[in-house]
Amino acid sequence: MPHKAQPLNKKSTSRSSNAFSGVSCFFTCPRHRPRRRGTRWTDPELIRWVNDGLHAMMEMKPQAFSAVVAAPLVAGAEQTLAAAHYRLLDVPGSAVTRVAKNHLDAEDMGWEGGEESATLYHYCYDENTPRIFYVYPPVIAGTELRITAAVYPDEVTTDESEIPLPETYLPTIVDYLLFRAYGKHSKAQGNERRSTEAFTRFAGGMGVKATNLGQTSPNTTEVGS
């Protein structure tokens, strides 16, 4: 798992301070674990499912993992996000505005090879290449740009690990755990229904991917053509 970039504003997101918080019921609640700890669902299984759930949430609602970071740029117009970043969400502020790339191409097909500058005016983004964006004019290497990006969460490794999510999303990750746990024993009476219901709640909390793509892209609002 790549190292998480240091956010410029570390207080922008409230993270869970208690590992497994609502998920701790799997270790103590008689309804979920009637026998001794680890006999129905093992700790490694639960930890693996938490990480699977985090990855699913990242794809479905990347803004749950957003952070404002300083992105060092390479020379030229085309830029690639750092390995720790899943996708670009926004460029905050009003100094660097978003434009449609086809607009710049129509004005000057050779703009990407133009003179490099340390002052940026615009950026372009295409959902088909979520880890790539363009800056205008082409930039001098080493210039930094503040961006809002979805950052890969730290891996949960033990039942004492902090879940890297805002507390408002903890019920959602619990629903994912219930979906996987009941699904493992789907032949037991009622478990298939419980698994389906838990996944429905999880999906409802996240929304469908096709819808969220438009909600989390920098291209949500129209730009001039």
Protein backbone atom coordinates (compact mmCIF):
# COMPACT_ATOMS: atom_id res chain seq x y z
CA MET A 1 0.00 0.00 0.00
CA PRO A 2 1.56 3.34 -0.99
CA HIS A 3 2.38 5.88 1.72
CA LYS A 4 -0.32 8.47 2.27
CA ALA A 5 0.61 12.00 1.22
CA GLN A 6 0.68 14.62 3.96
CA PRO A 7 -2.49 16.73 3.76
CA LEU A 8 -2.12 20.50 3.97
CA ASN A 9 -5.22 20.67 6.16
CA LYS A 10 -5.16 17.74 8.54
CA LYS A 11 -8.30 18.89 10.35
CA SER A 12 -10.48 18.83 7.26
CA THR A 13 -11.74 15.29 7.98
CA SER A 14 -12.77 13.75 11.28
CA ARG A 15 -11.45 10.20 11.41
CA SER A 16 -12.52 7.35 13.62
CA SER A 17 -10.49 7.34 16.82
CA ASN A 18 -11.65 3.89 17.97
CA ALA A 19 -10.61 0.92 15.88
CA PHE A 20 -13.55 -1.23 14.87
CA SER A 21 -15.92 1.01 16.88
CA GLY A 22 -19.33 -0.42 15.84
CA VAL A 23 -17.61 -3.49 14.37
CA SER A 24 -16.49 -4.56 17.83
CA CYS A 25 -19.86 -6.29 18.19
CA PHE A 26 -18.37 -9.11 16.11
CA PHE A 27 -15.94 -9.79 18.93
CA THR A 28 -18.36 -9.46 21.86
CA CYS A 29 -22.03 -9.57 20.79
CA PRO A 30 -23.67 -12.98 21.51
CA ARG A 31 -26.06 -12.48 18.58
CA HIS A 32 -23.18 -12.37 16.11
CA ARG A 33 -20.62 -14.56 17.90
CA PRO A 34 -22.37 -16.99 20.23
CA ARG A 35 -19.23 -19.07 20.74
CA ARG A 36 -15.77 -17.97 21.92
CA ARG A 37 -13.94 -15.26 20.03
CA GLY A 38 -12.79 -16.25 16.56
CA THR A 39 -14.87 -19.40 16.09
CA ARG A 40 -17.54 -18.14 13.69
CA TRP A 41 -15.66 -15.34 11.92
CA THR A 42 -11.95 -15.20 12.56
CA ASP A 43 -10.17 -11.95 13.31
CA PRO A 44 -8.06 -12.16 10.10
CA GLU A 45 -11.29 -12.60 8.09
CA LEU A 46 -12.88 -9.52 9.65
CA ILE A 47 -9.75 -7.46 9.14
CA ARG A 48 -9.53 -8.57 5.49
CA TRP A 49 -13.19 -7.69 4.96
CA VAL A 50 -12.67 -4.24 6.46
CA ASN A 51 -9.92 -3.59 3.90
CA ASP A 52 -12.10 -4.98 1.11
CA GLY A 53 -14.87 -2.67 2.24
CA LEU A 54 -12.56 0.34 2.26
CA HIS A 55 -11.47 -0.40 -1.30
CA ALA A 56 -15.09 -0.77 -2.41
CA MET A 57 -15.96 2.53 -0.74
CA MET A 58 -13.00 4.23 -2.43
CA GLU A 59 -14.36 3.25 -5.83
CA MET A 60 -17.95 4.15 -5.04
CA LYS A 61 -17.46 7.34 -3.02
CA PRO A 62 -13.88 8.63 -3.28
CA GLN A 63 -14.72 11.90 -1.53
CA ALA A 64 -14.93 9.90 1.71
CA PHE A 65 -11.13 9.69 1.47
CA SER A 66 -10.46 13.25 0.31
CA ALA A 67 -7.53 15.38 1.43
CA VAL A 68 -5.99 18.66 0.28
CA VAL A 69 -2.40 17.93 -0.69
CA ALA A 70 0.51 19.71 -2.34
CA ALA A 71 1.16 18.05 -5.70
CA PRO A 72 4.66 18.57 -7.14
CA LEU A 73 4.35 18.96 -10.89
CA VAL A 74 6.64 17.71 -13.63
CA ALA A 75 7.71 19.80 -16.59
CA GLY A 76 5.06 20.21 -19.27
CA ALA A 77 1.28 20.07 -19.47
CA GLU A 78 0.44 16.44 -18.66
CA GLN A 79 0.54 15.53 -14.97
CA THR A 80 0.05 12.19 -13.18
CA LEU A 81 -1.15 11.91 -9.59
CA ALA A 82 1.17 10.49 -6.95
CA ALA A 83 0.91 6.75 -6.30
CA ALA A 84 -0.91 7.45 -3.02
CA HIS A 85 -3.75 9.24 -4.85
CA TYR A 86 -6.70 7.39 -6.35
CA ARG A 87 -8.17 10.26 -8.38
CA LEU A 88 -8.34 14.03 -8.65
CA LEU A 89 -11.40 15.60 -7.06
CA ASP A 90 -10.81 19.33 -7.37
CA VAL A 91 -8.32 22.18 -7.49
CA PRO A 92 -9.45 24.45 -4.64
CA GLY A 93 -9.47 28.22 -4.85
CA SER A 94 -10.03 30.55 -7.78
CA ALA A 95 -6.48 31.11 -9.04
CA VAL A 96 -6.42 27.97 -11.21
CA THR A 97 -9.71 27.32 -12.99
CA ARG A 98 -10.96 24.31 -14.90
CA VAL A 99 -11.42 24.46 -18.65
CA ALA A 100 -12.35 21.88 -21.26
CA LYS A 101 -9.25 20.49 -22.97
CA ASN A 102 -10.95 20.55 -26.34
CA HIS A 103 -11.36 24.32 -25.88
CA LEU A 104 -7.61 24.76 -25.46
CA ASP A 105 -6.96 22.40 -28.38
CA ALA A 106 -9.29 24.43 -30.59
CA GLU A 107 -7.46 27.64 -29.68
CA ASP A 108 -3.97 26.19 -30.23
CA MET A 109 -3.33 22.55 -31.13
CA GLY A 110 0.30 22.91 -30.05
CA TRP A 111 -0.30 24.46 -26.63
CA GLU A 112 1.03 21.41 -24.75
CA GLY A 113 4.46 22.09 -26.25
CA GLY A 114 4.41 25.80 -25.48
CA GLU A 115 6.70 27.82 -23.24
CA GLU A 116 6.82 26.58 -19.67
CA SER A 117 5.79 28.84 -16.80
CA ALA A 118 5.62 28.78 -12.99
CA THR A 119 2.26 30.57 -13.08
CA LEU A 120 -0.79 28.41 -13.83
CA TYR A 121 -4.17 29.60 -15.04
CA HIS A 122 -6.18 26.48 -15.92
CA TYR A 123 -6.36 22.73 -15.54
CA CYS A 124 -8.18 20.03 -17.54
CA TYR A 125 -9.50 16.66 -16.39
CA ASP A 126 -10.93 13.62 -18.16
CA GLU A 127 -12.88 10.91 -16.25
CA ASN A 128 -11.51 8.30 -18.64
CA THR A 129 -8.01 8.91 -17.21
CA PRO A 130 -8.77 9.65 -13.53
CA ARG A 131 -5.12 9.82 -12.43
CA ILE A 132 -4.04 12.21 -15.19
CA PHE A 133 -4.75 15.93 -15.54
CA TYR A 134 -3.37 18.80 -17.62
CA VAL A 135 -2.23 22.27 -16.64
CA TYR A 136 -2.13 25.47 -18.71
CA PRO A 137 0.31 26.82 -19.54
CA PRO A 138 2.82 23.97 -19.43
CA VAL A 139 4.59 24.19 -16.10
CA ILE A 140 8.19 24.41 -14.98
CA ALA A 141 9.31 21.26 -13.13
CA GLY A 142 9.06 21.54 -9.36
CA THR A 143 6.08 23.88 -9.30
CA GLU A 144 3.52 22.83 -6.66
CA LEU A 145 -0.25 22.87 -7.02
CA ARG A 146 -2.75 22.46 -4.18
CA ILE A 147 -5.25 19.80 -5.16
CA THR A 148 -8.05 17.87 -3.52
CA ALA A 149 -7.49 14.17 -4.15
CA ALA A 150 -8.92 10.87 -2.99
CA VAL A 151 -6.10 9.30 -1.00
CA TYR A 152 -5.73 5.55 -0.59
CA PRO A 153 -6.55 4.59 3.02
CA ASP A 154 -3.98 3.02 5.31
CA GLU A 155 -4.40 -0.74 5.55
CA VAL A 156 -6.09 -2.11 8.65
CA THR A 157 -3.78 -4.79 10.05
CA THR A 158 -5.11 -5.64 13.53
CA ASP A 159 -8.29 -5.30 15.56
CA GLU A 160 -6.60 -2.33 17.25
CA SER A 161 -5.94 -0.47 14.00
CA GLU A 162 -7.69 2.81 13.42
CA ILE A 163 -10.23 2.67 10.62
CA PRO A 164 -9.24 5.47 8.21
CA LEU A 165 -12.76 6.83 7.72
CA PRO A 166 -14.81 9.76 8.97
CA GLU A 167 -17.05 8.55 11.80
CA THR A 168 -20.16 9.20 9.70
CA TYR A 169 -19.15 6.30 7.44
CA LEU A 170 -18.60 3.72 10.20
CA PRO A 171 -22.16 2.32 9.94
CA THR A 172 -21.51 1.78 6.23
CA ILE A 173 -18.36 -0.27 6.78
CA VAL A 174 -20.25 -2.29 9.42
CA ASP A 175 -22.92 -3.05 6.82
CA TYR A 176 -20.19 -4.28 4.46
CA LEU A 177 -18.86 -6.56 7.22
CA LEU A 178 -22.36 -7.92 7.87
CA PHE A 179 -22.76 -8.57 4.14
CA ARG A 180 -19.53 -10.60 4.01
CA ALA A 181 -20.04 -12.34 7.36
CA TYR A 182 -23.59 -13.54 6.71
CA GLY A 183 -22.62 -14.37 3.12
CA LYS A 184 -19.97 -16.77 4.38
CA HIS A 185 -22.70 -18.77 6.16
CA SER A 186 -25.46 -18.13 3.65
CA LYS A 187 -26.88 -21.66 4.00
CA ALA A 188 -27.84 -21.02 7.61
CA GLN A 189 -31.48 -20.02 8.03
CA GLY A 190 -32.02 -16.34 7.33
CA ASN A 191 -28.39 -15.52 6.59
CA GLU A 192 -28.79 -15.12 2.84
CA ARG A 193 -31.53 -12.55 3.46
CA ARG A 194 -29.44 -10.80 6.12
CA SER A 195 -26.45 -10.64 3.76
CA THR A 196 -28.57 -9.17 0.96
CA GLU A 197 -30.14 -6.61 3.29
CA ALA A 198 -26.73 -5.56 4.60
CA PHE A 199 -25.37 -5.10 1.09
CA THR A 200 -28.45 -3.07 0.14
CA ARG A 201 -27.78 -0.76 3.10
CA PHE A 202 -24.10 -0.53 2.15
CA ALA A 203 -24.89 0.31 -1.46
CA GLY A 204 -27.50 2.83 -0.34
CA GLY A 205 -24.96 4.55 1.86
CA MET A 206 -22.49 4.75 -1.00
CA GLY A 207 -24.74 5.27 -4.02
CA VAL A 208 -24.18 3.63 -7.41
CA LYS A 209 -20.81 4.12 -9.04
CA ALA A 210 -22.19 5.59 -12.25
CA THR A 211 -23.96 8.34 -10.33
CA ASN A 212 -21.03 9.09 -8.05
CA LEU A 213 -18.67 9.46 -10.99
CA GLY A 214 -20.47 12.64 -11.93
CA GLN A 215 -20.71 13.81 -8.32
CA THR A 216 -16.99 13.45 -7.55
CA SER A 217 -15.43 14.58 -10.80
CA PRO A 218 -13.97 18.10 -11.17
CA ASN A 219 -16.12 18.25 -14.32
CA THR A 220 -19.40 18.28 -12.38
CA THR A 221 -20.18 21.86 -13.35
CA GLU A 222 -20.20 23.16 -16.89
CA VAL A 223 -17.34 25.13 -18.33
CA GLY A 224 -17.30 27.48 -21.26
CA SER A 225 -16.68 26.02 -24.65
